[in-house]
Amino acid sequence: MPSVLGLLEAREKRVREEIAGLREEAERVQAALGAAERALERLVDARATVAEVLAEPCLRQSQSRCGAR
């Protein structure tokens, strides 16, 4: 029959291994989250730039022509 201390040590080892795996997974998720946030920021910046570029002809034309799109 295994000793109580041996059983506790085995359980502790399993939990430590689980924690290590979860930390690795958390690092992967954090990296993926960072990449997704950077991609979103690029898209938001691109949309703002396109809106500015499309608005420039409106500034040079009369409002009636610009609003006719």
Protein backbone atom coordinates (compact mmCIF):
# COMPACT_ATOMS: atom_id res chain seq x y z
CA MET A 1 0.00 0.00 0.00
CA PRO A 2 1.44 3.40 -1.00
CA SER A 3 2.20 5.87 1.72
CA VAL A 4 0.11 8.99 2.21
CA LEU A 5 3.17 11.16 1.62
CA GLY A 6 3.91 9.28 -1.60
CA LEU A 7 0.36 9.84 -2.82
CA LEU A 8 0.55 13.53 -1.96
CA GLU A 9 3.89 13.86 -3.75
CA ALA A 10 2.47 12.17 -6.85
CA ARG A 11 -0.54 14.47 -6.83
CA GLU A 12 1.70 17.51 -6.32
CA LYS A 13 3.81 16.45 -9.30
CA ARG A 14 0.70 16.10 -11.51
CA VAL A 15 -0.59 19.51 -10.46
CA ARG A 16 2.80 21.13 -11.09
CA GLU A 17 2.84 19.58 -14.58
CA GLU A 18 -0.69 20.83 -15.21
CA ILE A 19 0.33 24.32 -14.10
CA ALA A 20 3.34 24.26 -16.43
CA GLY A 21 1.11 23.22 -19.34
CA LEU A 22 -1.42 25.92 -18.55
CA ARG A 23 1.33 28.55 -18.38
CA GLU A 24 2.56 27.49 -21.82
CA GLU A 25 -0.98 27.66 -23.16
CA ALA A 26 -1.46 31.10 -21.57
CA GLU A 27 1.70 32.33 -23.30
CA ARG A 28 0.40 31.06 -26.66
CA VAL A 29 -2.98 32.69 -26.09
CA GLN A 30 -1.33 35.95 -25.02
CA ALA A 31 0.79 35.96 -28.19
CA ALA A 32 -2.27 35.25 -30.37
CA LEU A 33 -4.23 37.98 -28.59
CA GLY A 34 -1.43 40.47 -29.19
CA ALA A 35 -1.29 39.58 -32.88
CA ALA A 36 -5.06 39.94 -33.22
CA GLU A 37 -5.02 43.30 -31.45
CA ARG A 38 -2.26 44.55 -33.77
CA ALA A 39 -4.23 43.35 -36.81
CA LEU A 40 -7.34 45.16 -35.56
CA GLU A 41 -5.35 48.34 -34.99
CA ARG A 42 -3.99 48.17 -38.57
CA LEU A 43 -7.53 47.71 -39.93
CA VAL A 44 -8.88 50.64 -37.90
CA ASP A 45 -5.99 52.82 -39.10
CA ALA A 46 -6.57 51.72 -42.71
CA ARG A 47 -10.29 52.50 -42.48
CA ALA A 48 -9.52 55.96 -41.07
CA THR A 49 -7.00 56.61 -43.84
CA VAL A 50 -9.44 55.52 -46.55
CA ALA A 51 -12.13 57.75 -45.05
CA GLU A 52 -9.72 60.70 -45.08
CA VAL A 53 -8.68 60.06 -48.67
CA LEU A 54 -12.28 59.69 -49.83
CA ALA A 55 -13.23 62.88 -48.00
CA GLU A 56 -10.54 64.99 -49.71
CA PRO A 57 -12.45 65.44 -53.01
CA CYS A 58 -15.43 66.66 -50.98
CA LEU A 59 -13.31 69.41 -49.57
CA ARG A 60 -12.43 70.64 -53.08
CA GLN A 61 -15.92 70.25 -54.57
CA SER A 62 -19.19 71.84 -53.70
CA GLN A 63 -21.23 70.08 -51.02
CA SER A 64 -24.02 69.34 -53.49
CA ARG A 65 -21.75 67.30 -55.75
CA CYS A 66 -20.12 65.53 -52.83
CA GLY A 67 -23.41 64.49 -51.30
CA ALA A 68 -24.67 63.09 -54.60
CA ARG A 69 -22.70 59.83 -54.28
